Amino acid sequence: MNKLNHVAFIMDGNGRWGQKKKKGRNFGHINGVKTVKKTVETAAKFKIPFVTFYVFSTENWKRPKSEVNFLFKLITIYFKQELQNVISNGVKINILGKISNLPSQIKSSLKQAINRTKDNKKITVNLAINYGSKDEIISALKKSKKNVSEKNIEKNLYTNKQPSPDILIRTGGHKRLSNFMLWQLAYAELYFLDKLWPDFQSKDFIRIINNYKNIKRNFGSI
């Protein structure tokens, strides 16, 4: 039976879900946050030590400025309201991406969440914000300098000292990686769901977990 150490999520479909409900894309993002919370609770219940959510990519800056600002405001409000619960539930917050390039308010909110949860050990939640995998790999190569090796590259990735994801789950119906954890997902099991992210439920997650446990993983061998 396979041990599950890390699950990564591409949370696609929030905007489309809001439009489908005729309440706008931002309504979809609000409900997407609720799905993240339920998903973390399920992961903690199954004692999965690491989960990663693709929150905002380096390409998402191309979206309308009003939507980008709303996303950042939503994250800031969430941590203002829920940080104490996050701490109480043993969740450690970690950021993958260029946090220094973010607006000051969300940057401050994220740094506070990182600092106040740094000693929590129940589950680590990686939020990939202003994240692009190609940028991450190029940065890791530069830091490796002349001593380029698999070990040194991995040491300089955002996920240093974390296991690579065993599973990637992407909602929204698209079957692509969208510049997300390209190095770390080399041997991950990929699950693509037609459901939009706000419709993703704990039972969907549990079904995938149970499926993964019985997969034969060869890693290049027989």
C-alpha atoms as a PDB file:
ATOM      1  CA  MET A   1       0.000   0.000   0.000  1.00  0.00           C
ATOM      2  CA  ASN A   2       1.458   3.358  -1.079  1.00  0.00           C
ATOM      3  CA  LYS A   3       2.182   5.975   1.563  1.00  0.00           C
ATOM      4  CA  LEU A   4       0.814   9.407   0.719  1.00  0.00           C
ATOM      5  CA  ASN A   5       3.139  12.255   1.702  1.00  0.00           C
ATOM      6  CA  HIS A   6       2.193  15.154  -0.555  1.00  0.00           C
ATOM      7  CA  VAL A   7      -0.802  16.115  -2.697  1.00  0.00           C
ATOM      8  CA  ALA A   8      -0.765  19.060  -5.104  1.00  0.00           C
ATOM      9  CA  PHE A   9      -3.852  20.826  -6.453  1.00  0.00           C
ATOM     10  CA  ILE A  10      -4.501  22.970  -9.514  1.00  0.00           C
ATOM     11  CA  MET A  11      -7.749  24.619  -8.455  1.00  0.00           C
ATOM     12  CA  ASP A  12      -9.189  25.361 -11.865  1.00  0.00           C
ATOM     13  CA  GLY A  13     -12.722  26.579 -12.484  1.00  0.00           C
ATOM     14  CA  ASN A  14     -13.515  29.135  -9.783  1.00  0.00           C
ATOM     15  CA  GLY A  15     -14.336  31.930 -12.228  1.00  0.00           C
ATOM     16  CA  ARG A  16     -16.328  29.674 -14.536  1.00  0.00           C
ATOM     17  CA  TRP A  17     -18.269  28.337 -11.536  1.00  0.00           C
ATOM     18  CA  GLY A  18     -19.233  31.872 -10.469  1.00  0.00           C
ATOM     19  CA  GLN A  19     -20.316  32.759 -13.999  1.00  0.00           C
ATOM     20  CA  LYS A  20     -22.300  29.532 -14.242  1.00  0.00           C
ATOM     21  CA  LYS A  21     -24.165  30.599 -11.099  1.00  0.00           C
ATOM     22  CA  LYS A  22     -24.684  34.033 -12.737  1.00  0.00           C
ATOM     23  CA  LYS A  23     -22.988  35.720  -9.782  1.00  0.00           C
ATOM     24  CA  GLY A  24     -19.641  36.635 -11.348  1.00  0.00           C
ATOM     25  CA  ARG A  25     -16.107  35.270 -11.238  1.00  0.00           C
ATOM     26  CA  ASN A  26     -15.334  36.720  -7.799  1.00  0.00           C
ATOM     27  CA  PHE A  27     -18.211  34.742  -6.286  1.00  0.00           C
ATOM     28  CA  GLY A  28     -16.471  31.627  -7.591  1.00  0.00           C
ATOM     29  CA  HIS A  29     -13.209  32.635  -5.909  1.00  0.00           C
ATOM     30  CA  ILE A  30     -15.009  33.134  -2.585  1.00  0.00           C
ATOM     31  CA  ASN A  31     -16.442  29.623  -2.758  1.00  0.00           C
ATOM     32  CA  GLY A  32     -13.103  28.254  -3.919  1.00  0.00           C
ATOM     33  CA  VAL A  33     -11.591  29.319  -0.585  1.00  0.00           C
ATOM     34  CA  LYS A  34     -14.244  27.243   1.219  1.00  0.00           C
ATOM     35  CA  THR A  35     -13.209  24.215  -0.833  1.00  0.00           C
ATOM     36  CA  VAL A  36      -9.554  24.754   0.110  1.00  0.00           C
ATOM     37  CA  LYS A  37     -10.508  24.746   3.792  1.00  0.00           C
ATOM     38  CA  LYS A  38     -12.490  21.477   3.471  1.00  0.00           C
ATOM     39  CA  THR A  39      -9.688  19.888   1.463  1.00  0.00           C
ATOM     40  CA  VAL A  40      -7.077  20.731   4.109  1.00  0.00           C
ATOM     41  CA  GLU A  41      -9.344  19.242   6.788  1.00  0.00           C
ATOM     42  CA  THR A  42      -9.638  16.012   4.794  1.00  0.00           C
ATOM     43  CA  ALA A  43      -5.865  15.868   4.221  1.00  0.00           C
ATOM     44  CA  ALA A  44      -5.245  16.342   7.953  1.00  0.00           C
ATOM     45  CA  LYS A  45      -7.755  13.588   8.733  1.00  0.00           C
ATOM     46  CA  PHE A  46      -5.806  11.205   6.499  1.00  0.00           C
ATOM     47  CA  LYS A  47      -2.514  12.398   8.039  1.00  0.00           C
ATOM     48  CA  ILE A  48      -1.107  13.676   4.746  1.00  0.00           C
ATOM     49  CA  PRO A  49       1.822  15.882   5.857  1.00  0.00           C
ATOM     50  CA  PHE A  50       2.018  18.215   2.832  1.00  0.00           C
ATOM     51  CA  VAL A  51      -0.550  19.759   0.481  1.00  0.00           C
ATOM     52  CA  THR A  52       0.111  22.396  -2.168  1.00  0.00           C
ATOM     53  CA  PHE A  53      -2.446  24.697  -3.798  1.00  0.00           C
ATOM     54  CA  TYR A  54      -1.763  26.606  -7.027  1.00  0.00           C
ATOM     55  CA  VAL A  55      -3.256  29.937  -5.984  1.00  0.00           C
ATOM     56  CA  PHE A  56      -1.797  32.514  -8.381  1.00  0.00           C
ATOM     57  CA  SER A  57       0.646  31.921 -11.220  1.00  0.00           C
ATOM     58  CA  THR A  58       3.160  34.302 -12.756  1.00  0.00           C
ATOM     59  CA  GLU A  59       0.890  34.228 -15.831  1.00  0.00           C
ATOM     60  CA  ASN A  60      -2.210  35.257 -13.843  1.00  0.00           C
ATOM     61  CA  TRP A  61      -1.009  38.881 -13.860  1.00  0.00           C
ATOM     62  CA  LYS A  62      -2.528  38.961 -17.366  1.00  0.00           C
ATOM     63  CA  ARG A  63      -6.019  38.762 -15.851  1.00  0.00           C
ATOM     64  CA  PRO A  64      -8.135  41.914 -15.342  1.00  0.00           C
ATOM     65  CA  LYS A  65      -6.618  44.086 -12.616  1.00  0.00           C
ATOM     66  CA  SER A  66      -9.916  44.127 -10.709  1.00  0.00           C
ATOM     67  CA  GLU A  67      -9.921  40.310 -10.467  1.00  0.00           C
ATOM     68  CA  VAL A  68      -6.255  40.172  -9.416  1.00  0.00           C
ATOM     69  CA  ASN A  69      -6.875  42.782  -6.699  1.00  0.00           C
ATOM     70  CA  PHE A  70      -9.935  40.869  -5.488  1.00  0.00           C
ATOM     71  CA  LEU A  71      -7.946  37.629  -5.218  1.00  0.00           C
ATOM     72  CA  PHE A  72      -5.255  39.315  -3.123  1.00  0.00           C
ATOM     73  CA  LYS A  73      -7.876  41.023  -0.955  1.00  0.00           C
ATOM     74  CA  LEU A  74      -9.656  37.684  -0.446  1.00  0.00           C
ATOM     75  CA  ILE A  75      -6.449  36.004   0.751  1.00  0.00           C
ATOM     76  CA  THR A  76      -5.675  38.926   3.076  1.00  0.00           C
ATOM     77  CA  ILE A  77      -9.183  38.881   4.584  1.00  0.00           C
ATOM     78  CA  TYR A  78      -9.059  35.104   5.015  1.00  0.00           C
ATOM     79  CA  PHE A  79      -5.900  35.211   7.101  1.00  0.00           C
ATOM     80  CA  LYS A  80      -7.187  38.180   9.106  1.00  0.00           C
ATOM     81  CA  GLN A  81     -10.318  36.227  10.027  1.00  0.00           C
ATOM     82  CA  GLU A  82      -9.015  32.651  10.160  1.00  0.00           C
ATOM     83  CA  LEU A  83      -5.364  32.806  11.207  1.00  0.00           C
ATOM     84  CA  GLN A  84      -6.115  31.883  14.821  1.00  0.00           C
ATOM     85  CA  ASN A  85      -8.054  28.806  13.664  1.00  0.00           C
ATOM     86  CA  VAL A  86      -5.208  27.895  11.309  1.00  0.00           C
ATOM     87  CA  ILE A  87      -2.781  28.070  14.243  1.00  0.00           C
ATOM     88  CA  SER A  88      -5.108  26.089  16.557  1.00  0.00           C
ATOM     89  CA  ASN A  89      -5.477  23.323  13.965  1.00  0.00           C
ATOM     90  CA  GLY A  90      -1.725  22.787  13.713  1.00  0.00           C
ATOM     91  CA  VAL A  91      -1.427  24.050  10.131  1.00  0.00           C
ATOM     92  CA  LYS A  92       1.920  25.402   8.964  1.00  0.00           C
ATOM     93  CA  ILE A  93       1.674  27.938   6.114  1.00  0.00           C
ATOM     94  CA  ASN A  94       4.443  28.019   3.530  1.00  0.00           C
ATOM     95  CA  ILE A  95       4.660  30.083   0.332  1.00  0.00           C
ATOM     96  CA  LEU A  96       6.048  28.904  -3.004  1.00  0.00           C
ATOM     97  CA  GLY A  97       6.776  31.814  -5.333  1.00  0.00           C
ATOM     98  CA  LYS A  98       8.129  35.351  -5.454  1.00  0.00           C
ATOM     99  CA  ILE A  99       6.428  36.894  -2.435  1.00  0.00           C
ATOM    100  CA  SER A 100       8.685  39.987  -2.673  1.00  0.00           C
ATOM    101  CA  ASN A 101       6.912  41.056  -5.876  1.00  0.00           C
ATOM    102  CA  LEU A 102       3.434  41.085  -4.310  1.00  0.00           C
ATOM    103  CA  PRO A 103       1.547  44.212  -3.118  1.00  0.00           C
ATOM    104  CA  SER A 104       2.496  45.262   0.419  1.00  0.00           C
ATOM    105  CA  GLN A 105      -0.796  44.342   2.115  1.00  0.00           C
ATOM    106  CA  ILE A 106      -0.921  40.713   0.980  1.00  0.00           C
ATOM    107  CA  LYS A 107       2.848  40.386   1.449  1.00  0.00           C
ATOM    108  CA  SER A 108       2.486  41.499   5.072  1.00  0.00           C
ATOM    109  CA  SER A 109      -0.459  39.137   5.629  1.00  0.00           C
ATOM    110  CA  LEU A 110       1.422  36.145   4.209  1.00  0.00           C
ATOM    111  CA  LYS A 111       4.585  36.880   6.185  1.00  0.00           C
ATOM    112  CA  GLN A 112       2.530  37.060   9.380  1.00  0.00           C
ATOM    113  CA  ALA A 113       0.875  33.712   8.584  1.00  0.00           C
ATOM    114  CA  ILE A 114       4.262  32.120   7.887  1.00  0.00           C
ATOM    115  CA  ASN A 115       5.787  33.491  11.091  1.00  0.00           C
ATOM    116  CA  ARG A 116       2.886  32.612  13.398  1.00  0.00           C
ATOM    117  CA  THR A 117       2.490  29.047  12.080  1.00  0.00           C
ATOM    118  CA  LYS A 118       6.177  28.155  11.675  1.00  0.00           C
ATOM    119  CA  ASP A 119       6.212  25.768  14.661  1.00  0.00           C
ATOM    120  CA  ASN A 120       3.038  23.874  13.674  1.00  0.00           C
ATOM    121  CA  LYS A 121       3.598  20.254  12.709  1.00  0.00           C
ATOM    122  CA  LYS A 122       0.244  18.632  11.911  1.00  0.00           C
ATOM    123  CA  ILE A 123       0.176  19.566   8.220  1.00  0.00           C
ATOM    124  CA  THR A 124       2.109  21.944   5.964  1.00  0.00           C
ATOM    125  CA  VAL A 125       0.017  23.896   3.470  1.00  0.00           C
ATOM    126  CA  ASN A 126       2.017  25.310   0.573  1.00  0.00           C
ATOM    127  CA  LEU A 127       0.369  28.219  -1.215  1.00  0.00           C
ATOM    128  CA  ALA A 128       1.887  28.747  -4.673  1.00  0.00           C
ATOM    129  CA  ILE A 129       1.473  32.508  -5.164  1.00  0.00           C
ATOM    130  CA  ASN A 130       3.192  34.458  -7.925  1.00  0.00           C
ATOM    131  CA  TYR A 131       4.617  31.058  -8.825  1.00  0.00           C
ATOM    132  CA  GLY A 132       5.997  29.774 -12.116  1.00  0.00           C
ATOM    133  CA  SER A 133       7.824  26.467 -12.324  1.00  0.00           C
ATOM    134  CA  LYS A 134      10.154  27.506 -15.157  1.00  0.00           C
ATOM    135  CA  ASP A 135      11.279  30.533 -13.117  1.00  0.00           C
ATOM    136  CA  GLU A 136      11.780  28.276 -10.100  1.00  0.00           C
ATOM    137  CA  ILE A 137      13.965  25.828 -12.049  1.00  0.00           C
ATOM    138  CA  ILE A 138      16.041  28.611 -13.665  1.00  0.00           C
ATOM    139  CA  SER A 139      16.575  30.187 -10.227  1.00  0.00           C
ATOM    140  CA  ALA A 140      17.626  26.815  -8.786  1.00  0.00           C
ATOM    141  CA  LEU A 141      20.106  26.293 -11.638  1.00  0.00           C
ATOM    142  CA  LYS A 142      21.642  29.728 -11.077  1.00  0.00           C
ATOM    143  CA  LYS A 143      22.009  29.041  -7.341  1.00  0.00           C
ATOM    144  CA  SER A 144      23.638  25.689  -8.118  1.00  0.00           C
ATOM    145  CA  LYS A 145      26.318  27.635 -10.058  1.00  0.00           C
ATOM    146  CA  LYS A 146      28.924  25.284 -11.532  1.00  0.00           C
ATOM    147  CA  ASN A 147      27.913  22.328  -9.400  1.00  0.00           C
ATOM    148  CA  VAL A 148      24.743  21.393 -11.288  1.00  0.00           C
ATOM    149  CA  SER A 149      23.293  18.109 -10.068  1.00  0.00           C
ATOM    150  CA  GLU A 150      19.844  16.743  -9.292  1.00  0.00           C
ATOM    151  CA  LYS A 151      20.570  17.030  -5.579  1.00  0.00           C
ATOM    152  CA  ASN A 152      21.721  20.657  -5.801  1.00  0.00           C
ATOM    153  CA  ILE A 153      18.811  21.705  -7.992  1.00  0.00           C
ATOM    154  CA  GLU A 154      16.322  20.160  -5.563  1.00  0.00           C
ATOM    155  CA  LYS A 155      18.089  21.873  -2.661  1.00  0.00           C
ATOM    156  CA  ASN A 156      17.410  25.239  -4.327  1.00  0.00           C
ATOM    157  CA  LEU A 157      13.761  24.698  -5.267  1.00  0.00           C
ATOM    158  CA  TYR A 158      10.986  26.299  -3.197  1.00  0.00           C
ATOM    159  CA  THR A 159      10.109  22.781  -1.976  1.00  0.00           C
ATOM    160  CA  ASN A 160      13.550  22.121  -0.480  1.00  0.00           C
ATOM    161  CA  LYS A 161      13.324  19.490   2.307  1.00  0.00           C
ATOM    162  CA  GLN A 162       9.787  18.513   1.249  1.00  0.00           C
ATOM    163  CA  PRO A 163       8.831  15.288  -0.539  1.00  0.00           C
ATOM    164  CA  SER A 164       7.715  15.670  -4.137  1.00  0.00           C
ATOM    165  CA  PRO A 165       3.951  15.331  -4.677  1.00  0.00           C
ATOM    166  CA  ASP A 166       2.699  11.762  -4.987  1.00  0.00           C
ATOM    167  CA  ILE A 167      -0.529  13.013  -6.551  1.00  0.00           C
ATOM    168  CA  LEU A 168      -1.582  15.993  -8.640  1.00  0.00           C
ATOM    169  CA  ILE A 169      -5.304  16.742  -8.752  1.00  0.00           C
ATOM    170  CA  ARG A 170      -6.544  19.249 -11.329  1.00  0.00           C
ATOM    171  CA  THR A 171     -10.188  20.256 -11.478  1.00  0.00           C
ATOM    172  CA  GLY A 172     -11.902  22.183 -14.265  1.00  0.00           C
ATOM    173  CA  GLY A 173     -11.680  19.719 -17.143  1.00  0.00           C
ATOM    174  CA  HIS A 174      -8.301  20.725 -18.609  1.00  0.00           C
ATOM    175  CA  LYS A 175      -5.496  18.165 -18.853  1.00  0.00           C
ATOM    176  CA  ARG A 176      -2.339  20.240 -18.547  1.00  0.00           C
ATOM    177  CA  LEU A 177       0.188  21.301 -15.898  1.00  0.00           C
ATOM    178  CA  SER A 178       0.157  25.066 -16.605  1.00  0.00           C
ATOM    179  CA  ASN A 179       3.757  25.695 -15.512  1.00  0.00           C
ATOM    180  CA  PHE A 180       3.158  24.112 -12.089  1.00  0.00           C
ATOM    181  CA  MET A 181       5.798  22.078 -10.225  1.00  0.00           C
ATOM    182  CA  LEU A 182       7.253  20.667 -13.454  1.00  0.00           C
ATOM    183  CA  TRP A 183      10.321  19.257 -11.694  1.00  0.00           C
ATOM    184  CA  GLN A 184       8.509  17.960  -8.615  1.00  0.00           C
ATOM    185  CA  LEU A 185       5.699  16.226 -10.558  1.00  0.00           C
ATOM    186  CA  ALA A 186       8.062  14.009 -12.586  1.00  0.00           C
ATOM    187  CA  TYR A 187       6.648  10.798 -11.059  1.00  0.00           C
ATOM    188  CA  ALA A 188       3.338  12.012  -9.641  1.00  0.00           C
ATOM    189  CA  GLU A 189       0.070  10.240 -10.354  1.00  0.00           C
ATOM    190  CA  LEU A 190      -2.128  12.681 -12.285  1.00  0.00           C
ATOM    191  CA  TYR A 191      -5.877  13.010 -11.725  1.00  0.00           C
ATOM    192  CA  PHE A 192      -7.888  15.329 -13.975  1.00  0.00           C
ATOM    193  CA  LEU A 193     -11.479  16.016 -12.952  1.00  0.00           C
ATOM    194  CA  ASP A 194     -14.240  17.624 -15.002  1.00  0.00           C
ATOM    195  CA  LYS A 195     -15.667  19.214 -11.840  1.00  0.00           C
ATOM    196  CA  LEU A 196     -15.023  22.911 -11.260  1.00  0.00           C
ATOM    197  CA  TRP A 197     -13.011  23.594  -8.082  1.00  0.00           C
ATOM    198  CA  PRO A 198     -15.904  24.835  -5.852  1.00  0.00           C
ATOM    199  CA  ASP A 199     -17.724  21.545  -6.638  1.00  0.00           C
ATOM    200  CA  PHE A 200     -14.754  19.415  -5.526  1.00  0.00           C
ATOM    201  CA  GLN A 201     -15.836  17.528  -2.396  1.00  0.00           C
ATOM    202  CA  SER A 202     -14.196  15.477   0.321  1.00  0.00           C
ATOM    203  CA  LYS A 203     -15.673  12.302  -1.193  1.00  0.00           C
ATOM    204  CA  ASP A 204     -13.839  13.067  -4.472  1.00  0.00           C
ATOM    205  CA  PHE A 205     -10.580  13.486  -2.577  1.00  0.00           C
ATOM    206  CA  ILE A 206     -11.119  10.298  -0.560  1.00  0.00           C
ATOM    207  CA  ARG A 207     -11.863   8.321  -3.730  1.00  0.00           C
ATOM    208  CA  ILE A 208      -8.553   9.481  -5.235  1.00  0.00           C
ATOM    209  CA  ILE A 209      -6.669   8.705  -2.016  1.00  0.00           C
ATOM    210  CA  ASN A 210      -8.062   5.167  -1.975  1.00  0.00           C
ATOM    211  CA  ASN A 211      -7.258   4.688  -5.653  1.00  0.00           C
ATOM    212  CA  TYR A 212      -3.679   5.856  -5.131  1.00  0.00           C
ATOM    213  CA  LYS A 213      -3.059   3.444  -2.277  1.00  0.00           C
ATOM    214  CA  ASN A 214      -3.400   0.459  -4.609  1.00  0.00           C
ATOM    215  CA  ILE A 215      -1.508   1.753  -7.675  1.00  0.00           C
ATOM    216  CA  LYS A 216       1.688  -0.095  -8.591  1.00  0.00           C
ATOM    217  CA  ARG A 217       4.379   2.585  -8.781  1.00  0.00           C
ATOM    218  CA  ASN A 218       7.454   1.486 -10.757  1.00  0.00           C
ATOM    219  CA  PHE A 219       9.604   4.639 -10.988  1.00  0.00           C
ATOM    220  CA  GLY A 220      11.158   3.316 -14.191  1.00  0.00           C
ATOM    221  CA  SER A 221      11.589  -0.287 -13.047  1.00  0.00           C
ATOM    222  CA  ILE A 222       9.320  -3.265 -13.692  1.00  0.00           C
END
